[in-house]
């Protein structure tokens, strides 16, 4: 089993297998503190000066990851699932973001 640090995961480009689109790089992670598991990868939306964001964050559930390779993280998200992953604000709950 290969192990990755969060720093390693941040260096890997995320690509959607359904349409070949490049989604970006994980900037953040959502953890379940009770089970000590990563729940999702978070790709921050692009923000301009003064913190005004042009795009929403993209939250990719961990179970949508198909493969973590040397250079990329491959996910499988249909167009409908991809639109459900868009989030303007991170959810506030028992999970911890790192």
C-alpha atoms as a PDB file:
ATOM      1  CA  UNK A   1       0.000   0.000   0.000  1.00  0.00           C
ATOM      2  CA  UNK A   2       1.400   3.365  -1.012  1.00  0.00           C
ATOM      3  CA  UNK A   3       1.074   6.172   1.515  1.00  0.00           C
ATOM      4  CA  UNK A   4       0.609   9.856   0.740  1.00  0.00           C
ATOM      5  CA  UNK A   5       0.863  12.923   2.906  1.00  0.00           C
ATOM      6  CA  UNK A   6      -1.553  15.806   2.385  1.00  0.00           C
ATOM      7  CA  UNK A   7       1.413  17.738   0.959  1.00  0.00           C
ATOM      8  CA  UNK A   8       1.888  14.942  -1.623  1.00  0.00           C
ATOM      9  CA  UNK A   9      -1.807  14.979  -2.553  1.00  0.00           C
ATOM     10  CA  UNK A  10      -1.724  18.759  -3.070  1.00  0.00           C
ATOM     11  CA  UNK A  11       0.889  18.277  -5.820  1.00  0.00           C
ATOM     12  CA  UNK A  12      -1.299  15.939  -7.908  1.00  0.00           C
ATOM     13  CA  UNK A  13      -3.621  17.305 -10.576  1.00  0.00           C
ATOM     14  CA  UNK A  14      -7.206  16.049 -10.352  1.00  0.00           C
ATOM     15  CA  UNK A  15      -8.675  14.790 -13.649  1.00  0.00           C
ATOM     16  CA  UNK A  16     -12.257  13.669 -14.276  1.00  0.00           C
ATOM     17  CA  UNK A  17     -12.430  10.335 -16.117  1.00  0.00           C
ATOM     18  CA  UNK A  18     -15.949  11.000 -17.451  1.00  0.00           C
ATOM     19  CA  UNK A  19     -14.969  13.906 -19.702  1.00  0.00           C
ATOM     20  CA  UNK A  20     -11.192  14.258 -19.340  1.00  0.00           C
ATOM     21  CA  UNK A  21     -11.484  17.700 -17.754  1.00  0.00           C
ATOM     22  CA  UNK A  22      -8.745  18.991 -15.496  1.00  0.00           C
ATOM     23  CA  UNK A  23     -10.385  20.052 -12.255  1.00  0.00           C
ATOM     24  CA  UNK A  24      -7.367  21.521 -10.489  1.00  0.00           C
ATOM     25  CA  UNK A  25      -5.385  20.676  -7.375  1.00  0.00           C
ATOM     26  CA  UNK A  26      -6.600  19.842  -3.867  1.00  0.00           C
ATOM     27  CA  UNK A  27      -6.088  22.860  -1.632  1.00  0.00           C
ATOM     28  CA  UNK A  28      -7.887  21.499   1.382  1.00  0.00           C
ATOM     29  CA  UNK A  29      -9.243  18.278   2.854  1.00  0.00           C
ATOM     30  CA  UNK A  30     -12.274  17.383   4.929  1.00  0.00           C
ATOM     31  CA  UNK A  31     -11.705  14.833   7.709  1.00  0.00           C
ATOM     32  CA  UNK A  32     -14.021  12.873   9.966  1.00  0.00           C
ATOM     33  CA  UNK A  33     -12.346  13.179  13.353  1.00  0.00           C
ATOM     34  CA  UNK A  34     -14.318  10.330  14.908  1.00  0.00           C
ATOM     35  CA  UNK A  35     -13.291   7.765  12.271  1.00  0.00           C
ATOM     36  CA  UNK A  36      -9.959   9.391  11.322  1.00  0.00           C
ATOM     37  CA  UNK A  37     -10.786   9.296   7.591  1.00  0.00           C
ATOM     38  CA  UNK A  38     -10.533  11.758   4.745  1.00  0.00           C
ATOM     39  CA  UNK A  39     -14.052  12.503   3.503  1.00  0.00           C
ATOM     40  CA  UNK A  40     -13.315  14.779   0.586  1.00  0.00           C
ATOM     41  CA  UNK A  41     -10.795  16.758  -1.404  1.00  0.00           C
ATOM     42  CA  UNK A  42     -11.516  20.467  -1.754  1.00  0.00           C
ATOM     43  CA  UNK A  43     -10.455  22.525  -4.754  1.00  0.00           C
ATOM     44  CA  UNK A  44     -10.714  26.192  -3.845  1.00  0.00           C
ATOM     45  CA  UNK A  45     -12.504  28.455  -6.299  1.00  0.00           C
ATOM     46  CA  UNK A  46     -10.357  31.161  -7.822  1.00  0.00           C
ATOM     47  CA  UNK A  47     -10.345  34.374  -5.825  1.00  0.00           C
ATOM     48  CA  UNK A  48      -9.180  37.744  -6.978  1.00  0.00           C
ATOM     49  CA  UNK A  49      -7.802  40.615  -4.964  1.00  0.00           C
ATOM     50  CA  UNK A  50      -9.575  41.561  -1.761  1.00  0.00           C
ATOM     51  CA  UNK A  51     -10.867  37.978  -1.388  1.00  0.00           C
ATOM     52  CA  UNK A  52     -13.726  38.240  -3.901  1.00  0.00           C
ATOM     53  CA  UNK A  53     -14.172  34.768  -5.367  1.00  0.00           C
ATOM     54  CA  UNK A  54     -14.989  34.324  -9.044  1.00  0.00           C
ATOM     55  CA  UNK A  55     -15.657  30.606  -8.820  1.00  0.00           C
ATOM     56  CA  UNK A  56     -17.158  28.347  -6.185  1.00  0.00           C
ATOM     57  CA  UNK A  57     -15.208  25.689  -4.307  1.00  0.00           C
ATOM     58  CA  UNK A  58     -15.401  22.129  -5.604  1.00  0.00           C
ATOM     59  CA  UNK A  59     -15.808  19.416  -2.958  1.00  0.00           C
ATOM     60  CA  UNK A  60     -15.013  15.937  -4.274  1.00  0.00           C
ATOM     61  CA  UNK A  61     -16.164  13.029  -2.079  1.00  0.00           C
ATOM     62  CA  UNK A  62     -13.393  10.536  -1.346  1.00  0.00           C
ATOM     63  CA  UNK A  63     -15.463   7.622  -2.685  1.00  0.00           C
ATOM     64  CA  UNK A  64     -15.405   9.263  -6.153  1.00  0.00           C
ATOM     65  CA  UNK A  65     -11.627   8.796  -6.407  1.00  0.00           C
ATOM     66  CA  UNK A  66     -10.828   5.960  -8.813  1.00  0.00           C
ATOM     67  CA  UNK A  67      -7.031   6.035  -8.669  1.00  0.00           C
ATOM     68  CA  UNK A  68      -4.164   8.002  -7.180  1.00  0.00           C
ATOM     69  CA  UNK A  69      -1.182   7.852  -9.508  1.00  0.00           C
ATOM     70  CA  UNK A  70       2.283   9.374  -9.718  1.00  0.00           C
ATOM     71  CA  UNK A  71       1.089  12.608 -11.351  1.00  0.00           C
ATOM     72  CA  UNK A  72      -2.686  12.701 -11.076  1.00  0.00           C
ATOM     73  CA  UNK A  73      -5.718  11.813  -9.021  1.00  0.00           C
ATOM     74  CA  UNK A  74      -8.399  10.289 -11.238  1.00  0.00           C
ATOM     75  CA  UNK A  75     -12.007  10.859 -10.208  1.00  0.00           C
ATOM     76  CA  UNK A  76     -15.225   9.705 -11.842  1.00  0.00           C
ATOM     77  CA  UNK A  77     -17.919  12.374 -11.739  1.00  0.00           C
ATOM     78  CA  UNK A  78     -20.826  12.683 -14.174  1.00  0.00           C
ATOM     79  CA  UNK A  79     -21.891  16.202 -15.135  1.00  0.00           C
ATOM     80  CA  UNK A  80     -24.770  15.990 -12.642  1.00  0.00           C
ATOM     81  CA  UNK A  81     -22.489  14.759  -9.836  1.00  0.00           C
ATOM     82  CA  UNK A  82     -19.963  17.467 -10.667  1.00  0.00           C
ATOM     83  CA  UNK A  83     -22.604  20.173 -10.348  1.00  0.00           C
ATOM     84  CA  UNK A  84     -23.577  18.720  -6.941  1.00  0.00           C
ATOM     85  CA  UNK A  85     -19.943  19.055  -5.767  1.00  0.00           C
ATOM     86  CA  UNK A  86     -19.913  22.833  -6.240  1.00  0.00           C
ATOM     87  CA  UNK A  87     -20.145  24.613  -2.915  1.00  0.00           C
ATOM     88  CA  UNK A  88     -19.919  28.313  -2.130  1.00  0.00           C
ATOM     89  CA  UNK A  89     -19.177  27.789   1.543  1.00  0.00           C
ATOM     90  CA  UNK A  90     -17.662  24.830   3.343  1.00  0.00           C
ATOM     91  CA  UNK A  91     -20.095  22.878   5.432  1.00  0.00           C
ATOM     92  CA  UNK A  92     -19.926  23.403   9.173  1.00  0.00           C
ATOM     93  CA  UNK A  93     -20.294  20.109  11.008  1.00  0.00           C
ATOM     94  CA  UNK A  94     -18.342  17.577  13.037  1.00  0.00           C
ATOM     95  CA  UNK A  95     -15.748  17.182  10.291  1.00  0.00           C
ATOM     96  CA  UNK A  96     -12.420  18.950  10.340  1.00  0.00           C
ATOM     97  CA  UNK A  97     -10.754  20.633   7.385  1.00  0.00           C
ATOM     98  CA  UNK A  98      -6.958  20.654   7.173  1.00  0.00           C
END
